[in-house]
Amino acid sequence: MHKSTIKVDVLLDPNKIPEQINWQATDSSADMMQKAKALSIAFWDGADRTALRIDLWTKDMMVDEMGDFYYQMLMGMADSLKRATNQQDLSDDMKNFAKEFFEKFKEILIKEQG
């Protein structure tokens, strides 16, 4: 059996707010730790049928980057749903929602900046 490890280091300020997120995976092509401004990890507990989520972002994660991040996560979840369930229609629905979400997000940013 092959073992793959993902290591995440989070550097916190004195108030325990993330300043830096670094990650490394044993099966990655990158040899060194990689920097990230945000992470979102979900674990499924089959016994309790609940999801445990960990969402972190650094102080320098910009609001527009957060919109991009969520848009890409939603699109990725739609692709994963399709691969896991073969439900093309549901995957398409999720992608359509992601596109609508992102358009609304951009509209809000424009209003707030203008």
N, C-alpha and C. Protein backbone atom coordinates (compact mmCIF):
# COMPACT_ATOMS: atom_id res chain seq x y z
N MET A 1 0.84 -1.18 0.00
CA MET A 1 0.00 0.00 0.00
C MET A 1 0.89 1.24 0.00
N HIS A 2 0.52 2.23 -0.80
CA HIS A 2 1.27 3.48 -0.91
C HIS A 2 0.71 4.51 0.07
N LYS A 3 1.58 5.22 0.74
CA LYS A 3 1.17 6.26 1.68
C LYS A 3 1.54 7.62 1.11
N SER A 4 0.60 8.53 1.13
CA SER A 4 0.83 9.90 0.69
C SER A 4 0.55 10.83 1.87
N THR A 5 1.40 11.81 2.06
CA THR A 5 1.26 12.72 3.19
C THR A 5 1.18 14.16 2.71
N ILE A 6 0.26 14.89 3.29
CA ILE A 6 0.16 16.33 3.04
C ILE A 6 0.44 17.02 4.37
N LYS A 7 1.42 17.91 4.35
CA LYS A 7 1.81 18.63 5.56
C LYS A 7 1.44 20.10 5.40
N VAL A 8 0.79 20.66 6.41
CA VAL A 8 0.41 22.07 6.40
C VAL A 8 0.97 22.73 7.64
N ASP A 9 1.71 23.82 7.46
CA ASP A 9 2.21 24.63 8.56
C ASP A 9 1.52 25.98 8.51
N VAL A 10 0.99 26.41 9.64
CA VAL A 10 0.33 27.71 9.73
C VAL A 10 1.07 28.54 10.76
N LEU A 11 1.63 29.67 10.32
CA LEU A 11 2.31 30.58 11.22
C LEU A 11 1.30 31.61 11.69
N LEU A 12 1.15 31.74 13.02
CA LEU A 12 0.15 32.62 13.60
C LEU A 12 0.79 33.85 14.24
N ASP A 13 0.05 34.95 14.23
CA ASP A 13 0.51 36.13 14.95
C ASP A 13 0.16 35.95 16.43
N PRO A 14 0.51 36.91 17.30
CA PRO A 14 0.20 36.75 18.73
C PRO A 14 -1.29 36.58 19.04
N ASN A 15 -2.16 37.04 18.13
CA ASN A 15 -3.61 36.90 18.32
C ASN A 15 -4.15 35.64 17.66
N LYS A 16 -3.25 34.77 17.23
CA LYS A 16 -3.59 33.49 16.59
C LYS A 16 -4.31 33.67 15.26
N ILE A 17 -3.98 34.73 14.56
CA ILE A 17 -4.49 34.97 13.21
C ILE A 17 -3.40 34.52 12.23
N PRO A 18 -3.77 33.73 11.22
CA PRO A 18 -2.75 33.22 10.29
C PRO A 18 -2.01 34.35 9.55
N GLU A 19 -0.69 34.28 9.62
CA GLU A 19 0.16 35.20 8.86
C GLU A 19 0.71 34.53 7.62
N GLN A 20 0.94 33.22 7.72
CA GLN A 20 1.51 32.50 6.60
C GLN A 20 1.03 31.04 6.64
N ILE A 21 0.72 30.53 5.45
CA ILE A 21 0.33 29.12 5.31
C ILE A 21 1.29 28.48 4.32
N ASN A 22 1.90 27.39 4.73
CA ASN A 22 2.82 26.64 3.86
C ASN A 22 2.35 25.19 3.83
N TRP A 23 2.52 24.56 2.68
CA TRP A 23 2.12 23.17 2.54
C TRP A 23 3.10 22.42 1.67
N GLN A 24 3.10 21.11 1.87
CA GLN A 24 3.94 20.22 1.07
C GLN A 24 3.26 18.86 1.00
N ALA A 25 3.32 18.23 -0.16
CA ALA A 25 2.73 16.91 -0.35
C ALA A 25 3.80 15.96 -0.87
N THR A 26 3.79 14.75 -0.36
CA THR A 26 4.81 13.78 -0.76
C THR A 26 4.70 13.41 -2.22
N ASP A 27 3.52 13.43 -2.80
CA ASP A 27 3.35 13.06 -4.20
C ASP A 27 3.33 14.27 -5.14
N SER A 28 3.72 15.43 -4.61
CA SER A 28 3.76 16.64 -5.43
C SER A 28 5.06 16.70 -6.21
N SER A 29 5.03 17.40 -7.33
CA SER A 29 6.26 17.59 -8.11
C SER A 29 7.15 18.66 -7.50
N ALA A 30 6.60 19.45 -6.57
CA ALA A 30 7.38 20.50 -5.90
C ALA A 30 8.18 19.90 -4.76
N ASP A 31 9.48 20.21 -4.71
CA ASP A 31 10.34 19.67 -3.67
C ASP A 31 10.24 20.46 -2.36
N MET A 32 9.96 21.76 -2.48
CA MET A 32 9.97 22.63 -1.30
C MET A 32 8.55 22.93 -0.84
N MET A 33 8.47 23.48 0.38
CA MET A 33 7.18 23.93 0.89
C MET A 33 6.62 24.99 -0.06
N GLN A 34 5.32 24.97 -0.26
CA GLN A 34 4.63 25.92 -1.11
C GLN A 34 3.82 26.88 -0.24
N LYS A 35 3.78 28.15 -0.64
CA LYS A 35 3.01 29.14 0.11
C LYS A 35 1.58 29.18 -0.40
N ALA A 36 0.67 29.49 0.50
CA ALA A 36 -0.73 29.68 0.14
C ALA A 36 -1.29 30.82 0.99
N LYS A 37 -2.23 31.56 0.43
CA LYS A 37 -2.89 32.62 1.19
C LYS A 37 -4.14 32.09 1.90
N ALA A 38 -4.65 30.95 1.46
CA ALA A 38 -5.86 30.39 2.06
C ALA A 38 -5.88 28.88 1.87
N LEU A 39 -6.67 28.23 2.71
CA LEU A 39 -6.90 26.80 2.55
C LEU A 39 -8.30 26.47 3.01
N SER A 40 -8.83 25.43 2.43
CA SER A 40 -10.13 24.91 2.82
C SER A 40 -10.05 23.40 2.71
N ILE A 41 -10.24 22.74 3.83
CA ILE A 41 -10.13 21.28 3.88
C ILE A 41 -11.42 20.75 4.49
N ALA A 42 -11.95 19.70 3.92
CA ALA A 42 -13.14 19.06 4.47
C ALA A 42 -12.88 17.58 4.65
N PHE A 43 -13.30 17.05 5.79
CA PHE A 43 -13.22 15.63 6.09
C PHE A 43 -14.62 15.11 6.30
N TRP A 44 -14.93 13.93 5.77
CA TRP A 44 -16.24 13.33 5.93
C TRP A 44 -16.19 12.26 7.00
N ASP A 45 -17.01 12.39 8.03
CA ASP A 45 -17.15 11.38 9.07
C ASP A 45 -18.34 10.51 8.70
N GLY A 46 -18.08 9.33 8.16
CA GLY A 46 -19.15 8.45 7.71
C GLY A 46 -20.02 7.94 8.84
N ALA A 47 -19.44 7.77 10.02
CA ALA A 47 -20.23 7.27 11.15
C ALA A 47 -21.27 8.29 11.60
N ASP A 48 -20.85 9.55 11.70
CA ASP A 48 -21.77 10.61 12.13
C ASP A 48 -22.47 11.30 10.96
N ARG A 49 -22.02 10.98 9.73
CA ARG A 49 -22.54 11.61 8.52
C ARG A 49 -22.46 13.14 8.62
N THR A 50 -21.28 13.61 9.01
CA THR A 50 -21.04 15.05 9.13
C THR A 50 -19.71 15.40 8.48
N ALA A 51 -19.61 16.64 8.08
CA ALA A 51 -18.37 17.15 7.50
C ALA A 51 -17.67 18.04 8.53
N LEU A 52 -16.38 17.85 8.65
CA LEU A 52 -15.54 18.73 9.45
C LEU A 52 -14.77 19.59 8.47
N ARG A 53 -14.90 20.89 8.62
CA ARG A 53 -14.24 21.81 7.69
C ARG A 53 -13.23 22.66 8.43
N ILE A 54 -12.13 22.91 7.76
CA ILE A 54 -11.11 23.83 8.25
C ILE A 54 -10.91 24.87 7.17
N ASP A 55 -11.22 26.12 7.48
CA ASP A 55 -11.03 27.22 6.54
C ASP A 55 -10.12 28.24 7.20
N LEU A 56 -9.01 28.52 6.55
CA LEU A 56 -8.06 29.52 7.05
C LEU A 56 -7.63 30.42 5.92
N TRP A 57 -7.38 31.68 6.24
CA TRP A 57 -6.79 32.59 5.25
C TRP A 57 -5.89 33.57 5.99
N THR A 58 -4.87 34.02 5.29
CA THR A 58 -3.89 34.91 5.89
C THR A 58 -4.39 36.35 5.86
N LYS A 59 -3.72 37.18 6.65
CA LYS A 59 -4.08 38.59 6.72
C LYS A 59 -4.00 39.29 5.37
N ASP A 60 -3.10 38.81 4.51
CA ASP A 60 -2.91 39.50 3.22
C ASP A 60 -3.78 38.94 2.10
N MET A 61 -4.72 38.05 2.43
CA MET A 61 -5.68 37.55 1.43
C MET A 61 -6.66 38.68 1.13
N MET A 62 -6.68 39.12 -0.10
CA MET A 62 -7.54 40.24 -0.49
C MET A 62 -8.96 39.74 -0.76
N VAL A 63 -9.93 40.64 -0.62
CA VAL A 63 -11.34 40.27 -0.80
C VAL A 63 -11.58 39.74 -2.21
N ASP A 64 -10.99 40.38 -3.23
CA ASP A 64 -11.20 39.89 -4.60
C ASP A 64 -10.59 38.50 -4.79
N GLU A 65 -9.48 38.22 -4.11
CA GLU A 65 -8.89 36.89 -4.17
C GLU A 65 -9.81 35.86 -3.51
N MET A 66 -10.50 36.26 -2.45
CA MET A 66 -11.41 35.34 -1.78
C MET A 66 -12.55 34.95 -2.72
N GLY A 67 -13.04 35.91 -3.51
CA GLY A 67 -14.08 35.60 -4.48
C GLY A 67 -13.58 34.60 -5.52
N ASP A 68 -12.36 34.83 -6.03
CA ASP A 68 -11.76 33.89 -6.99
C ASP A 68 -11.60 32.50 -6.36
N PHE A 69 -11.14 32.48 -5.11
CA PHE A 69 -10.90 31.23 -4.41
C PHE A 69 -12.19 30.43 -4.28
N TYR A 70 -13.26 31.08 -3.84
CA TYR A 70 -14.54 30.38 -3.68
C TYR A 70 -15.12 29.95 -5.02
N TYR A 71 -14.98 30.79 -6.03
CA TYR A 71 -15.46 30.40 -7.36
C TYR A 71 -14.74 29.13 -7.83
N GLN A 72 -13.42 29.11 -7.70
CA GLN A 72 -12.66 27.95 -8.14
C GLN A 72 -12.96 26.71 -7.30
N MET A 73 -13.19 26.90 -5.99
CA MET A 73 -13.55 25.74 -5.16
C MET A 73 -14.91 25.18 -5.57
N LEU A 74 -15.88 26.06 -5.84
CA LEU A 74 -17.20 25.59 -6.27
C LEU A 74 -17.11 24.84 -7.59
N MET A 75 -16.33 25.37 -8.54
CA MET A 75 -16.16 24.68 -9.82
C MET A 75 -15.47 23.34 -9.62
N GLY A 76 -14.49 23.29 -8.76
CA GLY A 76 -13.79 22.04 -8.47
C GLY A 76 -14.70 21.02 -7.80
N MET A 77 -15.54 21.49 -6.87
CA MET A 77 -16.48 20.58 -6.22
C MET A 77 -17.47 20.02 -7.24
N ALA A 78 -17.88 20.84 -8.20
CA ALA A 78 -18.79 20.35 -9.25
C ALA A 78 -18.12 19.25 -10.06
N ASP A 79 -16.85 19.45 -10.41
CA ASP A 79 -16.12 18.41 -11.14
C ASP A 79 -15.98 17.13 -10.31
N SER A 80 -15.68 17.29 -9.02
CA SER A 80 -15.54 16.12 -8.14
C SER A 80 -16.86 15.38 -8.00
N LEU A 81 -17.95 16.12 -7.88
CA LEU A 81 -19.27 15.49 -7.79
C LEU A 81 -19.55 14.66 -9.03
N LYS A 82 -19.21 15.20 -10.19
CA LYS A 82 -19.42 14.49 -11.46
C LYS A 82 -18.60 13.20 -11.48
N ARG A 83 -17.34 13.28 -11.10
CA ARG A 83 -16.48 12.09 -11.10
C ARG A 83 -16.97 11.04 -10.09
N ALA A 84 -17.46 11.50 -8.93
CA ALA A 84 -17.85 10.58 -7.87
C ALA A 84 -19.23 9.95 -8.09
N THR A 85 -20.13 10.70 -8.74
CA THR A 85 -21.52 10.23 -8.84
C THR A 85 -22.01 10.04 -10.27
N ASN A 86 -21.26 10.57 -11.23
CA ASN A 86 -21.66 10.55 -12.63
C ASN A 86 -22.97 11.33 -12.87
N GLN A 87 -23.23 12.31 -12.03
CA GLN A 87 -24.43 13.14 -12.14
C GLN A 87 -24.10 14.43 -12.88
N GLN A 88 -24.11 14.38 -14.19
CA GLN A 88 -23.75 15.53 -15.01
C GLN A 88 -24.66 16.73 -14.76
N ASP A 89 -25.97 16.49 -14.66
CA ASP A 89 -26.91 17.60 -14.46
C ASP A 89 -26.65 18.34 -13.16
N LEU A 90 -26.40 17.60 -12.08
CA LEU A 90 -26.11 18.25 -10.80
C LEU A 90 -24.80 19.02 -10.86
N SER A 91 -23.82 18.44 -11.51
CA SER A 91 -22.55 19.12 -11.68
C SER A 91 -22.72 20.42 -12.47
N ASP A 92 -23.50 20.36 -13.53
CA ASP A 92 -23.78 21.56 -14.32
C ASP A 92 -24.51 22.61 -13.50
N ASP A 93 -25.46 22.18 -12.66
CA ASP A 93 -26.17 23.11 -11.79
C ASP A 93 -25.21 23.82 -10.85
N MET A 94 -24.28 23.06 -10.28
CA MET A 94 -23.30 23.66 -9.38
C MET A 94 -22.42 24.68 -10.12
N LYS A 95 -22.02 24.33 -11.33
CA LYS A 95 -21.18 25.25 -12.10
C LYS A 95 -21.95 26.52 -12.47
N ASN A 96 -23.23 26.37 -12.80
CA ASN A 96 -24.04 27.55 -13.09
C ASN A 96 -24.18 28.43 -11.86
N PHE A 97 -24.39 27.80 -10.70
CA PHE A 97 -24.44 28.57 -9.45
C PHE A 97 -23.12 29.29 -9.22
N ALA A 98 -22.00 28.59 -9.43
CA ALA A 98 -20.69 29.20 -9.22
C ALA A 98 -20.51 30.42 -10.11
N LYS A 99 -20.93 30.32 -11.35
CA LYS A 99 -20.82 31.46 -12.26
C LYS A 99 -21.69 32.62 -11.81
N GLU A 100 -22.92 32.34 -11.39
CA GLU A 100 -23.81 33.40 -10.89
C GLU A 100 -23.23 34.03 -9.62
N PHE A 101 -22.73 33.19 -8.71
CA PHE A 101 -22.09 33.68 -7.49
C PHE A 101 -20.95 34.64 -7.82
N PHE A 102 -20.10 34.25 -8.76
CA PHE A 102 -18.93 35.05 -9.08
C PHE A 102 -19.32 36.38 -9.72
N GLU A 103 -20.34 36.35 -10.58
CA GLU A 103 -20.81 37.60 -11.19
C GLU A 103 -21.37 38.54 -10.12
N LYS A 104 -22.16 38.02 -9.20
CA LYS A 104 -22.70 38.83 -8.10
C LYS A 104 -21.58 39.37 -7.23
N PHE A 105 -20.61 38.53 -6.96
CA PHE A 105 -19.46 38.93 -6.14
C PHE A 105 -18.75 40.12 -6.78
N LYS A 106 -18.50 40.01 -8.08
CA LYS A 106 -17.81 41.10 -8.79
C LYS A 106 -18.65 42.38 -8.78
N GLU A 107 -19.97 42.25 -8.96
CA GLU A 107 -20.86 43.42 -8.92
C GLU A 107 -20.79 44.11 -7.57
N ILE A 108 -20.79 43.33 -6.49
CA ILE A 108 -20.70 43.90 -5.15
C ILE A 108 -19.38 44.64 -4.97
N LEU A 109 -18.28 44.05 -5.43
CA LEU A 109 -16.99 44.71 -5.31
C LEU A 109 -16.96 46.04 -6.04
N ILE A 110 -17.53 46.05 -7.24
CA ILE A 110 -17.56 47.29 -8.02
C ILE A 110 -18.36 48.36 -7.31
N LYS A 111 -19.51 48.00 -6.73
CA LYS A 111 -20.33 48.96 -5.98
C LYS A 111 -19.59 49.48 -4.76
N GLU A 112 -18.91 48.60 -4.05
CA GLU A 112 -18.19 49.00 -2.84
C GLU A 112 -17.00 49.89 -3.15
N GLN A 113 -16.37 49.68 -4.29
CA GLN A 113 -15.19 50.47 -4.66
C GLN A 113 -15.56 51.79 -5.31
N GLY A 114 -16.78 51.89 -5.84
CA GLY A 114 -17.17 53.08 -6.59
C GLY A 114 -17.93 54.03 -5.81
